[in-house]
């Protein structure tokens, strides 16, 4: 499948897609170079932060919903035994 995204959220979109596919990812440290005090940055703090966090929050929300549905289903099938905890 094609990974969607541009600018700063693309990196997170790739990591989330790899996670969905079960691909192991390793972190490798790199050096950061700022030319001329980072005067050429095109980062827009509010807009780009929202674009980066939206897929991450959606991924977390889907996990939380799955947990609630699984737990509710377990509780509904065995309410008195307490076997779901």
PDB file of N, CA and C in Angstrom:
ATOM      1  N   UNK A   1       0.835  -1.190   0.000  1.00  0.00           N
ATOM      2  CA  UNK A   1       0.000   0.000   0.000  1.00  0.00           C
ATOM      3  C   UNK A   1       0.874   1.247   0.000  1.00  0.00           C
ATOM      4  N   UNK A   2       0.326   2.301  -0.477  1.00  0.00           N
ATOM      5  CA  UNK A   2       1.031   3.584  -0.548  1.00  0.00           C
ATOM      6  C   UNK A   2       0.896   4.309   0.790  1.00  0.00           C
ATOM      7  N   UNK A   3       2.003   4.738   1.370  1.00  0.00           N
ATOM      8  CA  UNK A   3       1.967   5.496   2.621  1.00  0.00           C
ATOM      9  C   UNK A   3       1.691   6.953   2.277  1.00  0.00           C
ATOM     10  N   UNK A   4       0.658   7.498   2.900  1.00  0.00           N
ATOM     11  CA  UNK A   4       0.304   8.892   2.647  1.00  0.00           C
ATOM     12  C   UNK A   4       0.996   9.806   3.647  1.00  0.00           C
ATOM     13  N   UNK A   5       1.220  11.012   3.214  1.00  0.00           N
ATOM     14  CA  UNK A   5       1.785  12.013   4.098  1.00  0.00           C
ATOM     15  C   UNK A   5       2.779  12.874   3.364  1.00  0.00           C
ATOM     16  N   UNK A   6       3.027  13.978   3.931  1.00  0.00           N
ATOM     17  CA  UNK A   6       4.020  14.889   3.392  1.00  0.00           C
ATOM     18  C   UNK A   6       4.585  15.677   4.564  1.00  0.00           C
ATOM     19  N   UNK A   7       5.622  16.386   4.300  1.00  0.00           N
ATOM     20  CA  UNK A   7       6.242  17.189   5.330  1.00  0.00           C
ATOM     21  C   UNK A   7       6.615  16.339   6.543  1.00  0.00           C
ATOM     22  N   UNK A   8       6.335  16.824   7.730  1.00  0.00           N
ATOM     23  CA  UNK A   8       6.826  16.191   8.952  1.00  0.00           C
ATOM     24  C   UNK A   8       6.023  14.971   9.385  1.00  0.00           C
ATOM     25  N   UNK A   9       4.791  14.827   8.948  1.00  0.00           N
ATOM     26  CA  UNK A   9       3.998  13.685   9.398  1.00  0.00           C
ATOM     27  C   UNK A   9       4.311  12.412   8.615  1.00  0.00           C
ATOM     28  N   UNK A  10       5.031  12.506   7.499  1.00  0.00           N
ATOM     29  CA  UNK A  10       5.316  11.331   6.680  1.00  0.00           C
ATOM     30  C   UNK A  10       6.130  10.293   7.452  1.00  0.00           C
ATOM     31  N   UNK A  11       7.112  10.744   8.195  1.00  0.00           N
ATOM     32  CA  UNK A  11       7.957   9.831   8.977  1.00  0.00           C
ATOM     33  C   UNK A  11       7.117   9.002   9.946  1.00  0.00           C
ATOM     34  N   UNK A  12       6.199   9.642  10.660  1.00  0.00           N
ATOM     35  CA  UNK A  12       5.339   8.930  11.594  1.00  0.00           C
ATOM     36  C   UNK A  12       4.406   7.979  10.852  1.00  0.00           C
ATOM     37  N   UNK A  13       3.898   8.394   9.696  1.00  0.00           N
ATOM     38  CA  UNK A  13       3.014   7.531   8.904  1.00  0.00           C
ATOM     39  C   UNK A  13       3.744   6.254   8.492  1.00  0.00           C
ATOM     40  N   UNK A  14       5.005   6.364   8.115  1.00  0.00           N
ATOM     41  CA  UNK A  14       5.801   5.189   7.748  1.00  0.00           C
ATOM     42  C   UNK A  14       5.993   4.283   8.961  1.00  0.00           C
ATOM     43  N   UNK A  15       6.328   4.853  10.113  1.00  0.00           N
ATOM     44  CA  UNK A  15       6.524   4.047  11.323  1.00  0.00           C
ATOM     45  C   UNK A  15       5.242   3.324  11.732  1.00  0.00           C
ATOM     46  N   UNK A  16       4.099   3.997  11.640  1.00  0.00           N
ATOM     47  CA  UNK A  16       2.831   3.358  11.984  1.00  0.00           C
ATOM     48  C   UNK A  16       2.499   2.235  11.014  1.00  0.00           C
ATOM     49  N   UNK A  17       2.765   2.420   9.736  1.00  0.00           N
ATOM     50  CA  UNK A  17       2.514   1.373   8.739  1.00  0.00           C
ATOM     51  C   UNK A  17       3.414   0.168   8.994  1.00  0.00           C
ATOM     52  N   UNK A  18       4.670   0.404   9.315  1.00  0.00           N
ATOM     53  CA  UNK A  18       5.574  -0.697   9.642  1.00  0.00           C
ATOM     54  C   UNK A  18       5.089  -1.448  10.875  1.00  0.00           C
ATOM     55  N   UNK A  19       4.595  -0.735  11.871  1.00  0.00           N
ATOM     56  CA  UNK A  19       4.061  -1.361  13.076  1.00  0.00           C
ATOM     57  C   UNK A  19       2.858  -2.237  12.749  1.00  0.00           C
ATOM     58  N   UNK A  20       1.962  -1.727  11.905  1.00  0.00           N
ATOM     59  CA  UNK A  20       0.786  -2.514  11.506  1.00  0.00           C
ATOM     60  C   UNK A  20       1.187  -3.806  10.807  1.00  0.00           C
ATOM     61  N   UNK A  21       2.286  -3.754  10.060  1.00  0.00           N
ATOM     62  CA  UNK A  21       2.755  -4.929   9.313  1.00  0.00           C
ATOM     63  C   UNK A  21       3.635  -5.849  10.154  1.00  0.00           C
ATOM     64  N   UNK A  22       3.922  -5.441  11.378  1.00  0.00           N
ATOM     65  CA  UNK A  22       4.743  -6.266  12.260  1.00  0.00           C
ATOM     66  C   UNK A  22       6.232  -6.206  11.956  1.00  0.00           C
ATOM     67  N   UNK A  23       6.671  -5.171  11.285  1.00  0.00           N
ATOM     68  CA  UNK A  23       8.080  -5.019  10.932  1.00  0.00           C
ATOM     69  C   UNK A  23       8.837  -4.446  12.125  1.00  0.00           C
ATOM     70  N   UNK A  24       9.965  -5.057  12.446  1.00  0.00           N
ATOM     71  CA  UNK A  24      10.792  -4.582  13.552  1.00  0.00           C
ATOM     72  C   UNK A  24      11.559  -3.341  13.110  1.00  0.00           C
ATOM     73  N   UNK A  25      11.549  -2.323  13.942  1.00  0.00           N
ATOM     74  CA  UNK A  25      12.221  -1.062  13.629  1.00  0.00           C
ATOM     75  C   UNK A  25      13.271  -0.796  14.697  1.00  0.00           C
ATOM     76  N   UNK A  26      14.469  -0.415  14.275  1.00  0.00           N
ATOM     77  CA  UNK A  26      15.527  -0.061  15.214  1.00  0.00           C
ATOM     78  C   UNK A  26      15.812   1.427  15.124  1.00  0.00           C
ATOM     79  N   UNK A  27      16.060   2.021  16.265  1.00  0.00           N
ATOM     80  CA  UNK A  27      16.396   3.441  16.315  1.00  0.00           C
ATOM     81  C   UNK A  27      17.899   3.609  16.166  1.00  0.00           C
ATOM     82  N   UNK A  28      18.299   4.533  15.325  1.00  0.00           N
ATOM     83  CA  UNK A  28      19.707   4.831  15.104  1.00  0.00           C
ATOM     84  C   UNK A  28      19.898   6.327  15.309  1.00  0.00           C
ATOM     85  N   UNK A  29      20.781   6.686  16.204  1.00  0.00           N
ATOM     86  CA  UNK A  29      21.036   8.098  16.465  1.00  0.00           C
ATOM     87  C   UNK A  29      21.765   8.757  15.300  1.00  0.00           C
ATOM     88  N   UNK A  30      21.408   9.978  15.021  1.00  0.00           N
ATOM     89  CA  UNK A  30      22.075  10.740  13.967  1.00  0.00           C
ATOM     90  C   UNK A  30      22.382  12.136  14.495  1.00  0.00           C
ATOM     91  N   UNK A  31      23.307  12.790  13.880  1.00  0.00           N
ATOM     92  CA  UNK A  31      23.627  14.166  14.245  1.00  0.00           C
ATOM     93  C   UNK A  31      22.709  15.130  13.512  1.00  0.00           C
ATOM     94  N   UNK A  32      22.428  16.241  14.129  1.00  0.00           N
ATOM     95  CA  UNK A  32      21.595  17.269  13.510  1.00  0.00           C
ATOM     96  C   UNK A  32      22.468  18.463  13.170  1.00  0.00           C
ATOM     97  N   UNK A  33      22.330  18.955  11.963  1.00  0.00           N
ATOM     98  CA  UNK A  33      23.111  20.099  11.511  1.00  0.00           C
ATOM     99  C   UNK A  33      22.151  21.237  11.201  1.00  0.00           C
ATOM    100  N   UNK A  34      22.363  22.361  11.840  1.00  0.00           N
ATOM    101  CA  UNK A  34      21.555  23.550  11.578  1.00  0.00           C
ATOM    102  C   UNK A  34      22.413  24.558  10.828  1.00  0.00           C
ATOM    103  N   UNK A  35      22.073  24.805   9.584  1.00  0.00           N
ATOM    104  CA  UNK A  35      22.792  25.794   8.788  1.00  0.00           C
ATOM    105  C   UNK A  35      22.274  27.188   9.104  1.00  0.00           C
ATOM    106  N   UNK A  36      23.154  28.103   9.347  1.00  0.00           N
ATOM    107  CA  UNK A  36      22.811  29.511   9.588  1.00  0.00           C
ATOM    108  C   UNK A  36      21.741  29.665  10.658  1.00  0.00           C
ATOM    109  N   UNK A  37      21.916  28.946  11.775  1.00  0.00           N
ATOM    110  CA  UNK A  37      20.957  29.068  12.878  1.00  0.00           C
ATOM    111  C   UNK A  37      19.562  28.572  12.532  1.00  0.00           C
ATOM    112  N   UNK A  38      19.477  27.635  11.592  1.00  0.00           N
ATOM    113  CA  UNK A  38      18.202  27.048  11.173  1.00  0.00           C
ATOM    114  C   UNK A  38      17.274  28.088  10.536  1.00  0.00           C
ATOM    115  N   UNK A  39      17.852  29.078   9.906  1.00  0.00           N
ATOM    116  CA  UNK A  39      17.057  30.147   9.290  1.00  0.00           C
ATOM    117  C   UNK A  39      16.194  29.639   8.146  1.00  0.00           C
ATOM    118  N   UNK A  40      16.563  28.508   7.555  1.00  0.00           N
ATOM    119  CA  UNK A  40      15.814  27.995   6.406  1.00  0.00           C
ATOM    120  C   UNK A  40      14.737  26.996   6.761  1.00  0.00           C
ATOM    121  N   UNK A  41      14.404  26.844   8.014  1.00  0.00           N
ATOM    122  CA  UNK A  41      13.393  25.865   8.411  1.00  0.00           C
ATOM    123  C   UNK A  41      12.013  26.267   7.901  1.00  0.00           C
ATOM    124  N   UNK A  42      11.279  25.273   7.444  1.00  0.00           N
ATOM    125  CA  UNK A  42       9.909  25.502   6.988  1.00  0.00           C
ATOM    126  C   UNK A  42       8.913  24.927   7.987  1.00  0.00           C
ATOM    127  N   UNK A  43       9.364  24.598   9.179  1.00  0.00           N
ATOM    128  CA  UNK A  43       8.484  24.023  10.200  1.00  0.00           C
ATOM    129  C   UNK A  43       7.518  25.085  10.699  1.00  0.00           C
ATOM    130  N   UNK A  44       6.224  24.738  10.672  1.00  0.00           N
ATOM    131  CA  UNK A  44       5.174  25.617  11.198  1.00  0.00           C
ATOM    132  C   UNK A  44       4.692  24.961  12.484  1.00  0.00           C
ATOM    133  N   UNK A  45       5.058  25.467  13.642  1.00  0.00           N
ATOM    134  CA  UNK A  45       4.854  24.765  14.906  1.00  0.00           C
ATOM    135  C   UNK A  45       3.446  24.225  15.138  1.00  0.00           C
ATOM    136  N   UNK A  46       2.427  25.020  15.060  1.00  0.00           N
ATOM    137  CA  UNK A  46       1.079  24.542  15.363  1.00  0.00           C
ATOM    138  C   UNK A  46       0.550  23.619  14.276  1.00  0.00           C
ATOM    139  N   UNK A  47       0.603  24.064  13.057  1.00  0.00           N
ATOM    140  CA  UNK A  47       0.045  23.287  11.947  1.00  0.00           C
ATOM    141  C   UNK A  47       0.764  21.948  11.770  1.00  0.00           C
ATOM    142  N   UNK A  48       2.088  21.957  11.768  1.00  0.00           N
ATOM    143  CA  UNK A  48       2.833  20.721  11.572  1.00  0.00           C
ATOM    144  C   UNK A  48       2.708  19.789  12.777  1.00  0.00           C
ATOM    145  N   UNK A  49       2.614  20.332  13.979  1.00  0.00           N
ATOM    146  CA  UNK A  49       2.413  19.486  15.165  1.00  0.00           C
ATOM    147  C   UNK A  49       1.080  18.758  15.092  1.00  0.00           C
ATOM    148  N   UNK A  50       0.038  19.447  14.678  1.00  0.00           N
ATOM    149  CA  UNK A  50      -1.277  18.806  14.527  1.00  0.00           C
ATOM    150  C   UNK A  50      -1.210  17.715  13.472  1.00  0.00           C
ATOM    151  N   UNK A  51      -0.529  17.980  12.367  1.00  0.00           N
ATOM    152  CA  UNK A  51      -0.425  16.990  11.294  1.00  0.00           C
ATOM    153  C   UNK A  51       0.364  15.764  11.740  1.00  0.00           C
ATOM    154  N   UNK A  52       1.355  15.942  12.592  1.00  0.00           N
ATOM    155  CA  UNK A  52       2.146  14.821  13.087  1.00  0.00           C
ATOM    156  C   UNK A  52       1.359  14.030  14.132  1.00  0.00           C
ATOM    157  N   UNK A  53       0.667  14.720  15.026  1.00  0.00           N
ATOM    158  CA  UNK A  53      -0.015  14.046  16.134  1.00  0.00           C
ATOM    159  C   UNK A  53      -1.327  13.378  15.739  1.00  0.00           C
ATOM    160  N   UNK A  54      -1.996  13.840  14.702  1.00  0.00           N
ATOM    161  CA  UNK A  54      -3.295  13.278  14.326  1.00  0.00           C
ATOM    162  C   UNK A  54      -3.231  11.778  14.049  1.00  0.00           C
ATOM    163  N   UNK A  55      -2.314  11.278  13.197  1.00  0.00           N
ATOM    164  CA  UNK A  55      -2.281   9.831  12.979  1.00  0.00           C
ATOM    165  C   UNK A  55      -1.878   9.050  14.231  1.00  0.00           C
ATOM    166  N   UNK A  56      -1.003   9.632  15.044  1.00  0.00           N
ATOM    167  CA  UNK A  56      -0.596   8.963  16.280  1.00  0.00           C
ATOM    168  C   UNK A  56      -1.774   8.833  17.236  1.00  0.00           C
ATOM    169  N   UNK A  57      -2.548   9.899  17.390  1.00  0.00           N
ATOM    170  CA  UNK A  57      -3.729   9.857  18.257  1.00  0.00           C
ATOM    171  C   UNK A  57      -4.786   8.908  17.700  1.00  0.00           C
ATOM    172  N   UNK A  58      -4.950   8.874  16.387  1.00  0.00           N
ATOM    173  CA  UNK A  58      -5.912   7.950  15.773  1.00  0.00           C
ATOM    174  C   UNK A  58      -5.490   6.507  16.022  1.00  0.00           C
ATOM    175  N   UNK A  59      -4.200   6.225  15.905  1.00  0.00           N
ATOM    176  CA  UNK A  59      -3.681   4.879  16.157  1.00  0.00           C
ATOM    177  C   UNK A  59      -3.925   4.486  17.616  1.00  0.00           C
ATOM    178  N   UNK A  60      -3.641   5.402  18.543  1.00  0.00           N
ATOM    179  CA  UNK A  60      -3.877   5.138  19.967  1.00  0.00           C
ATOM    180  C   UNK A  60      -5.351   4.994  20.282  1.00  0.00           C
ATOM    181  N   UNK A  61      -6.192   5.806  19.650  1.00  0.00           N
ATOM    182  CA  UNK A  61      -7.638   5.730  19.890  1.00  0.00           C
ATOM    183  C   UNK A  61      -8.198   4.403  19.409  1.00  0.00           C
ATOM    184  N   UNK A  62      -7.728   3.917  18.264  1.00  0.00           N
ATOM    185  CA  UNK A  62      -8.229   2.628  17.778  1.00  0.00           C
ATOM    186  C   UNK A  62      -7.811   1.504  18.720  1.00  0.00           C
ATOM    187  N   UNK A  63      -6.628   1.593  19.295  1.00  0.00           N
ATOM    188  CA  UNK A  63      -6.187   0.595  20.276  1.00  0.00           C
ATOM    189  C   UNK A  63      -7.041   0.659  21.533  1.00  0.00           C
ATOM    190  N   UNK A  64      -7.354   1.860  21.997  1.00  0.00           N
ATOM    191  CA  UNK A  64      -8.188   2.020  23.192  1.00  0.00           C
ATOM    192  C   UNK A  64      -9.596   1.493  22.955  1.00  0.00           C
ATOM    193  N   UNK A  65     -10.159   1.772  21.789  1.00  0.00           N
ATOM    194  CA  UNK A  65     -11.502   1.269  21.464  1.00  0.00           C
ATOM    195  C   UNK A  65     -11.492  -0.255  21.415  1.00  0.00           C
ATOM    196  N   UNK A  66     -10.463  -0.847  20.829  1.00  0.00           N
ATOM    197  CA  UNK A  66     -10.359  -2.307  20.776  1.00  0.00           C
ATOM    198  C   UNK A  66     -10.303  -2.898  22.180  1.00  0.00           C
ATOM    199  N   UNK A  67      -9.541  -2.269  23.066  1.00  0.00           N
ATOM    200  CA  UNK A  67      -9.447  -2.742  24.443  1.00  0.00           C
ATOM    201  C   UNK A  67     -10.810  -2.708  25.123  1.00  0.00           C
ATOM    202  N   UNK A  68     -11.521  -1.588  24.980  1.00  0.00           N
ATOM    203  CA  UNK A  68     -12.836  -1.442  25.619  1.00  0.00           C
ATOM    204  C   UNK A  68     -13.810  -2.476  25.080  1.00  0.00           C
ATOM    205  N   UNK A  69     -13.824  -2.675  23.768  1.00  0.00           N
ATOM    206  CA  UNK A  69     -14.735  -3.657  23.165  1.00  0.00           C
ATOM    207  C   UNK A  69     -14.398  -5.063  23.650  1.00  0.00           C
ATOM    208  N   UNK A  70     -13.117  -5.420  23.670  1.00  0.00           N
ATOM    209  CA  UNK A  70     -12.716  -6.746  24.152  1.00  0.00           C
ATOM    210  C   UNK A  70     -13.094  -6.943  25.615  1.00  0.00           C
ATOM    211  N   UNK A  71     -12.804  -5.946  26.444  1.00  0.00           N
ATOM    212  CA  UNK A  71     -13.106  -6.055  27.866  1.00  0.00           C
ATOM    213  C   UNK A  71     -14.607  -6.131  28.100  1.00  0.00           C
ATOM    214  N   UNK A  72     -15.379  -5.309  27.384  1.00  0.00           N
ATOM    215  CA  UNK A  72     -16.839  -5.332  27.535  1.00  0.00           C
ATOM    216  C   UNK A  72     -17.400  -6.676  27.102  1.00  0.00           C
ATOM    217  N   UNK A  73     -16.872  -7.232  26.028  1.00  0.00           N
ATOM    218  CA  UNK A  73     -17.326  -8.547  25.570  1.00  0.00           C
ATOM    219  C   UNK A  73     -17.007  -9.630  26.579  1.00  0.00           C
ATOM    220  N   UNK A  74     -15.832  -9.571  27.163  1.00  0.00           N
ATOM    221  CA  UNK A  74     -15.449 -10.549  28.183  1.00  0.00           C
ATOM    222  C   UNK A  74     -16.326 -10.397  29.415  1.00  0.00           C
ATOM    223  N   UNK A  75     -16.526  -9.160  29.858  1.00  0.00           N
ATOM    224  CA  UNK A  75     -17.342  -8.916  31.043  1.00  0.00           C
ATOM    225  C   UNK A  75     -18.784  -9.360  30.812  1.00  0.00           C
ATOM    226  N   UNK A  76     -19.316  -9.123  29.619  1.00  0.00           N
ATOM    227  CA  UNK A  76     -20.697  -9.507  29.313  1.00  0.00           C
ATOM    228  C   UNK A  76     -20.863 -11.018  29.320  1.00  0.00           C
ATOM    229  N   UNK A  77     -19.820 -11.745  28.949  1.00  0.00           N
ATOM    230  CA  UNK A  77     -19.939 -13.202  28.906  1.00  0.00           C
ATOM    231  C   UNK A  77     -19.645 -13.855  30.257  1.00  0.00           C
ATOM    232  N   UNK A  78     -18.914 -13.167  31.155  1.00  0.00           N
ATOM    233  CA  UNK A  78     -18.592 -13.731  32.472  1.00  0.00           C
ATOM    234  C   UNK A  78     -18.659 -12.652  33.547  1.00  0.00           C
ATOM    235  N   UNK A  79     -19.828 -12.021  33.784  1.00  0.00           N
ATOM    236  CA  UNK A  79     -19.890 -10.878  34.709  1.00  0.00           C
ATOM    237  C   UNK A  79     -19.571 -11.205  36.165  1.00  0.00           C
ATOM    238  N   UNK A  80     -19.906 -12.373  36.631  1.00  0.00           N
ATOM    239  CA  UNK A  80     -19.723 -12.657  38.057  1.00  0.00           C
ATOM    240  C   UNK A  80     -18.395 -13.326  38.382  1.00  0.00           C
ATOM    241  N   UNK A  81     -17.730 -13.895  37.397  1.00  0.00           N
ATOM    242  CA  UNK A  81     -16.497 -14.624  37.698  1.00  0.00           C
ATOM    243  C   UNK A  81     -15.286 -13.717  37.860  1.00  0.00           C
ATOM    244  N   UNK A  82     -15.329 -12.520  37.289  1.00  0.00           N
ATOM    245  CA  UNK A  82     -14.193 -11.606  37.388  1.00  0.00           C
ATOM    246  C   UNK A  82     -12.983 -12.079  36.612  1.00  0.00           C
ATOM    247  N   UNK A  83     -13.181 -12.950  35.626  1.00  0.00           N
ATOM    248  CA  UNK A  83     -12.076 -13.529  34.868  1.00  0.00           C
ATOM    249  C   UNK A  83     -11.460 -12.575  33.854  1.00  0.00           C
ATOM    250  N   UNK A  84     -12.033 -11.409  33.664  1.00  0.00           N
ATOM    251  CA  UNK A  84     -11.527 -10.486  32.638  1.00  0.00           C
ATOM    252  C   UNK A  84     -10.376  -9.627  33.126  1.00  0.00           C
ATOM    253  N   UNK A  85     -10.194  -9.466  34.413  1.00  0.00           N
ATOM    254  CA  UNK A  85      -9.210  -8.540  34.950  1.00  0.00           C
ATOM    255  C   UNK A  85      -7.840  -9.012  34.819  1.00  0.00           C
TER     256      UNK A  85
END
